[in-house]
Protein backbone atom coordinates (compact mmCIF):
# COMPACT_ATOMS: atom_id res chain seq x y z
CA MET A 1 8.77 -11.47 -10.04
CA THR A 2 8.67 -10.75 -6.62
CA GLU A 3 11.72 -9.03 -5.18
CA THR A 4 11.66 -8.95 -0.90
CA THR A 5 14.30 -6.28 1.05
CA THR A 6 13.82 -6.66 4.40
CA TRP A 7 15.56 -4.13 7.30
CA TYR A 8 15.09 -3.99 11.24
CA SER A 9 13.28 -0.75 11.91
CA GLU A 10 14.50 0.78 15.23
CA ARG A 11 10.61 2.25 15.50
CA LEU A 12 9.32 -0.79 15.90
CA GLN A 13 12.09 -2.57 17.35
CA ARG A 14 11.24 -5.47 14.76
CA ASP A 15 12.16 -7.03 11.24
CA MET A 16 10.09 -5.43 8.45
CA PRO A 17 9.94 -6.80 5.33
CA LEU A 18 9.40 -4.79 1.88
CA VAL A 19 7.87 -6.79 -0.88
CA ARG A 20 7.68 -5.26 -4.72
CA TRP A 21 5.41 -7.13 -7.92
CA GLY A 22 6.54 -5.18 -11.01
CA HIS A 23 9.63 -3.88 -12.80
CA TRP A 24 8.09 -0.20 -13.89
CA GLY A 25 5.17 1.98 -13.44
CA ARG A 26 3.74 4.53 -10.39
CA PRO A 27 4.44 2.76 -7.14
CA LEU A 28 1.43 1.62 -5.35
CA LEU A 29 1.84 1.00 -1.54
CA LEU A 30 -0.61 -1.39 -0.70
CA PHE A 31 -1.78 -2.13 3.06
CA PRO A 32 -2.54 -5.74 4.17
CA THR A 33 -5.53 -6.38 6.21
CA ALA A 34 -4.95 -5.92 9.88
CA GLY A 35 -4.10 -9.70 10.48
CA GLY A 36 -1.69 -10.01 7.34
CA ASP A 37 1.69 -9.68 6.43
CA ALA A 38 3.70 -8.33 3.29
CA TRP A 39 2.68 -11.58 1.18
CA GLU A 40 -1.01 -11.65 2.39
CA VAL A 41 -2.09 -9.91 -0.93
CA GLU A 42 -0.60 -12.26 -3.18
CA ARG A 43 -1.29 -15.14 -1.33
CA MET A 44 -5.30 -14.27 -1.40
CA HIS A 45 -4.79 -13.50 -5.98
CA LEU A 46 -4.93 -9.68 -5.17
CA ILE A 47 -1.40 -9.76 -7.17
CA ALA A 48 -3.03 -12.29 -9.99
CA ALA A 49 -5.60 -9.61 -10.45
CA LEU A 50 -3.31 -6.78 -10.88
CA LYS A 51 -1.30 -8.61 -13.89
CA PRO A 52 -2.35 -6.91 -16.89
CA LEU A 53 -1.58 -3.88 -15.23
CA LEU A 54 1.80 -4.99 -13.70
CA ASP A 55 2.85 -6.50 -17.15
CA ALA A 56 1.77 -3.37 -19.06
CA GLY A 57 4.39 -1.43 -16.93
CA ARG A 58 1.96 0.79 -15.74
CA VAL A 59 2.33 0.19 -11.87
CA LYS A 60 4.92 -1.52 -9.35
CA VAL A 61 3.07 -2.78 -6.06
CA TYR A 62 4.97 -2.44 -2.42
CA SER A 63 3.46 -4.30 0.72
CA ILE A 64 4.51 -4.32 3.89
CA ASP A 65 3.63 -6.07 7.54
CA SER A 66 0.62 -4.88 9.08
CA TYR A 67 2.39 -4.95 12.15
CA ALA A 68 0.06 -1.45 13.59
CA GLY A 69 -3.29 -3.75 12.52
CA ARG A 70 -2.18 -6.43 14.03
CA THR A 71 -1.61 -4.66 17.16
CA TRP A 72 -5.17 -3.16 17.33
CA ILE A 73 -6.46 -6.63 16.86
CA GLN A 74 -4.36 -8.13 19.88
CA SER A 75 -3.87 -5.55 21.94
CA ARG A 76 -7.35 -3.59 22.89
CA ALA A 77 -7.04 -3.52 26.51
CA ASN A 78 -4.13 -1.64 25.92
CA PRO A 79 -5.01 1.68 24.33
CA GLN A 80 -1.85 3.64 24.89
CA HIS A 81 0.40 0.70 23.69
CA CYS A 82 -1.79 0.51 20.28
CA VAL A 83 -1.66 4.29 19.82
CA TRP A 84 2.11 4.33 20.41
CA VAL A 85 2.60 1.69 17.81
CA GLN A 86 0.54 3.40 15.29
CA LYS A 87 2.44 6.51 15.69
CA GLN A 88 5.56 4.18 15.27
CA PHE A 89 4.16 2.96 11.96
CA ASP A 90 3.22 5.65 10.87
CA ALA A 91 6.90 7.31 11.29
CA TYR A 92 8.34 3.84 9.97
CA VAL A 93 6.32 4.22 6.48
CA ARG A 94 7.10 8.03 5.80
CA GLN A 95 11.01 8.10 7.39
CA GLU A 96 11.94 4.35 5.94
CA VAL A 97 9.39 2.34 3.37
CA VAL A 98 9.18 5.98 1.26
CA PRO A 99 13.13 6.51 0.95
CA ALA A 100 12.97 2.92 0.05
CA ILE A 101 10.70 3.03 -2.30
CA ARG A 102 11.76 6.37 -3.85
CA MET A 103 14.99 4.30 -3.97
CA ASP A 104 13.82 1.33 -5.68
CA CYS A 105 12.28 3.93 -8.36
CA ARG A 106 15.10 5.70 -9.24
CA SER A 107 13.68 9.01 -7.88
CA ASP A 108 13.80 11.14 -4.80
CA SER A 109 10.45 12.77 -5.65
CA ILE A 110 8.50 10.37 -7.67
CA GLU A 111 4.62 10.44 -5.76
CA ILE A 112 3.66 7.06 -4.16
CA MET A 113 -0.25 5.70 -4.49
CA THR A 114 -1.72 4.10 -1.50
CA ALA A 115 -4.42 1.54 -1.03
CA GLY A 116 -5.93 -1.31 1.22
CA ALA A 117 -8.80 -2.88 2.73
CA SER A 118 -10.38 -2.95 5.58
CA ILE A 119 -8.39 -2.11 8.36
CA GLY A 120 -5.44 -1.46 5.32
CA ALA A 121 -7.81 1.17 3.93
CA TYR A 122 -7.60 2.87 7.36
CA ASN A 123 -3.80 2.86 6.91
CA ALA A 124 -4.20 4.37 3.64
CA LEU A 125 -6.23 7.15 4.45
CA LEU A 126 -4.52 7.77 7.29
CA THR A 127 -1.24 8.09 5.15
CA ILE A 128 -2.52 10.33 2.75
CA CYS A 129 -3.88 12.46 5.63
CA ARG A 130 -0.48 12.62 7.44
CA HIS A 131 1.53 12.85 3.87
CA PRO A 132 0.04 14.33 1.11
CA ASP A 133 3.30 15.95 0.39
CA VAL A 134 4.18 12.29 -0.84
CA PHE A 135 1.07 10.30 -1.51
CA SER A 136 -0.76 11.53 -4.32
CA HIS A 137 -4.05 8.93 -4.57
CA ALA A 138 -5.58 7.09 -1.83
CA ILE A 139 -8.20 3.66 -2.69
CA GLY A 140 -9.84 2.64 0.56
CA MET A 141 -12.14 -0.56 0.02
CA SER A 142 -14.42 -1.86 2.22
CA GLY A 143 -12.76 0.83 4.90
CA THR A 144 -12.80 0.41 9.11
CA TYR A 145 -11.95 4.28 9.46
CA ASP A 146 -13.36 4.71 13.04
CA ILE A 147 -11.27 3.06 15.07
CA GLU A 148 -12.26 4.83 18.43
CA HIS A 149 -14.82 2.13 19.62
CA TRP A 150 -11.63 0.00 19.75
CA LEU A 151 -10.48 1.90 22.83
CA GLY A 152 -13.27 1.38 25.10
CA GLY A 153 -13.84 4.29 26.72
CA ASN A 154 -10.23 5.05 27.39
CA ARG A 155 -8.60 7.91 24.90
CA PRO A 156 -5.08 8.84 24.85
CA ALA A 157 -4.56 12.00 23.79
CA GLU A 158 -2.62 11.23 20.91
CA PHE A 159 -5.07 9.07 19.43
CA TYR A 160 -6.80 11.70 17.51
CA GLY A 161 -3.59 12.76 15.70
CA TYR A 162 -4.03 8.95 14.04
CA SER A 163 -7.62 9.00 12.94
CA PRO A 164 -8.38 10.64 10.07
CA VAL A 165 -11.83 11.13 10.88
CA HIS A 166 -11.47 13.17 13.82
CA PHE A 167 -8.38 15.36 12.97
CA VAL A 168 -8.95 16.29 9.15
CA PRO A 169 -12.45 18.17 10.19
CA VAL A 170 -10.20 20.55 12.53
CA LEU A 171 -6.81 20.52 10.40
CA PRO A 172 -5.76 24.40 9.84
CA ASP A 173 -5.16 26.15 6.99
CA GLY A 174 -1.75 25.43 5.93
CA GLU A 175 0.83 23.74 3.68
CA GLN A 176 -0.56 20.03 4.51
CA LEU A 177 -4.49 21.21 4.12
CA LYS A 178 -3.46 23.20 0.87
CA ARG A 179 -1.62 19.87 -0.26
CA LEU A 180 -4.48 17.70 0.92
CA ARG A 181 -7.00 19.53 -1.02
CA GLN A 182 -4.99 18.83 -4.49
CA ARG A 183 -5.17 14.99 -3.51
CA SER A 184 -8.04 12.48 -4.56
CA ILE A 185 -9.27 9.67 -2.14
CA VAL A 186 -11.84 6.71 -3.42
CA LEU A 187 -13.86 5.06 -0.53
CA ALA A 188 -15.42 2.03 -1.86
CA THR A 189 -17.45 -0.17 -0.02
CA GLY A 190 -19.97 -3.46 -0.96
CA GLN A 191 -23.55 -3.28 0.75
CA GLY A 192 -23.07 -6.93 1.22
CA ARG A 193 -21.75 -9.28 4.19
CA TRP A 194 -20.20 -7.64 6.87
CA GLU A 195 -19.94 -4.07 5.46
CA SER A 196 -20.12 -1.14 6.99
CA PRO A 197 -20.67 1.67 4.41
CA SER A 198 -21.37 4.34 7.11
CA ASP A 199 -17.41 4.01 7.96
CA SER A 200 -16.72 5.52 4.41
CA TRP A 201 -19.66 7.93 4.57
CA LYS A 202 -18.32 9.33 8.01
CA ALA A 203 -14.65 9.38 6.81
CA ALA A 204 -16.56 11.55 3.42
CA HIS A 205 -18.13 13.77 5.39
CA ALA A 206 -14.68 14.18 7.60
CA LEU A 207 -12.73 14.71 4.35
CA GLY A 208 -15.49 17.01 2.21
CA SER A 209 -15.70 19.12 5.61
CA ARG A 210 -12.27 20.71 4.90
CA GLY A 211 -12.65 20.69 1.03
CA VAL A 212 -10.44 17.44 0.09
CA PRO A 213 -11.66 15.87 -2.86
CA ASN A 214 -13.12 12.57 -2.19
CA ARG A 215 -16.14 10.36 -3.33
CA VAL A 216 -17.97 6.95 -1.97
CA ASP A 217 -18.37 4.53 -4.30
CA LEU A 218 -21.52 2.32 -3.11
CA TRP A 219 -21.02 -1.28 -4.92
CA ASP A 220 -23.99 -3.18 -4.87
CA PRO A 221 -25.62 -5.87 -2.20
CA GLN A 222 -23.77 -9.01 -3.96
CA TRP A 223 -20.43 -7.36 -2.97
CA ASP A 224 -19.24 -8.63 0.48
CA HIS A 225 -16.05 -7.70 3.08
CA ASP A 226 -14.16 -9.90 1.55
CA TRP A 227 -11.17 -10.51 -1.37
CA PRO A 228 -13.25 -11.67 -4.37
CA THR A 229 -14.85 -8.11 -4.12
CA TRP A 230 -11.41 -6.11 -3.40
CA ARG A 231 -10.04 -8.47 -6.47
CA VAL A 232 -12.31 -6.49 -8.96
CA MET A 233 -12.28 -2.97 -7.49
CA LEU A 234 -8.57 -2.33 -6.99
CA PRO A 235 -7.96 -2.72 -10.64
CA GLN A 236 -10.83 -0.63 -11.83
CA TYR A 237 -9.46 2.11 -9.87
CA LEU A 238 -6.00 1.35 -10.47
CA ASP A 239 -6.78 1.57 -14.85
CA HIS A 240 -9.04 4.80 -13.96
CA PHE A 241 -5.78 6.32 -12.37
CA ILE A 242 -3.02 5.40 -13.93
CA PRO A 243 -2.56 6.49 -17.55
């Protein structure tokens, strides 16, 4: 069963949907790819691949619109705008989506898992690194983690606060880093067409430099940067993480 809730986000100045699949289990916030909407994961049969976990009541899946991802793709000539949208999107996730998920789960303290593929993996990693007080696990699949090259040499100062490969290595000792070191992050990538394993290794080195638990899983060369890969990856990792 699919349930959709939509509200107007003042931060993003537009209506934003939150879609849920499942009735019980650990909440998982699933980020779409760059051009995807909140229903992309269902159209691309990722929800069908998760059906055994959903039917068993082990996971409840939530998805939102990839407004920030689309902005990076469509507005690269305006880095200031892209970074502003990413900043607003991050605040929307933490201040609007998290409370909505917790209300739906009838718990104001339940921890949330997050996952995504391609730029969705970047958003999953960014979310757990910025908000380890809320998010417990991140599963990045075929991640595009270093987006600095999209700026064309024009680097707004605020960009680095929204790029985990840049801000994690310089995180000061404190509560954020302490909590992040108690979290778990998987960076899975194929080695087939359109894949870039170097992005996953770069993210892993950034996390490891500050003692953040993570691992890179290199899948064989037949696994491409595409939905058939992610439909196999995500159920496998969720089955591992969720009792």
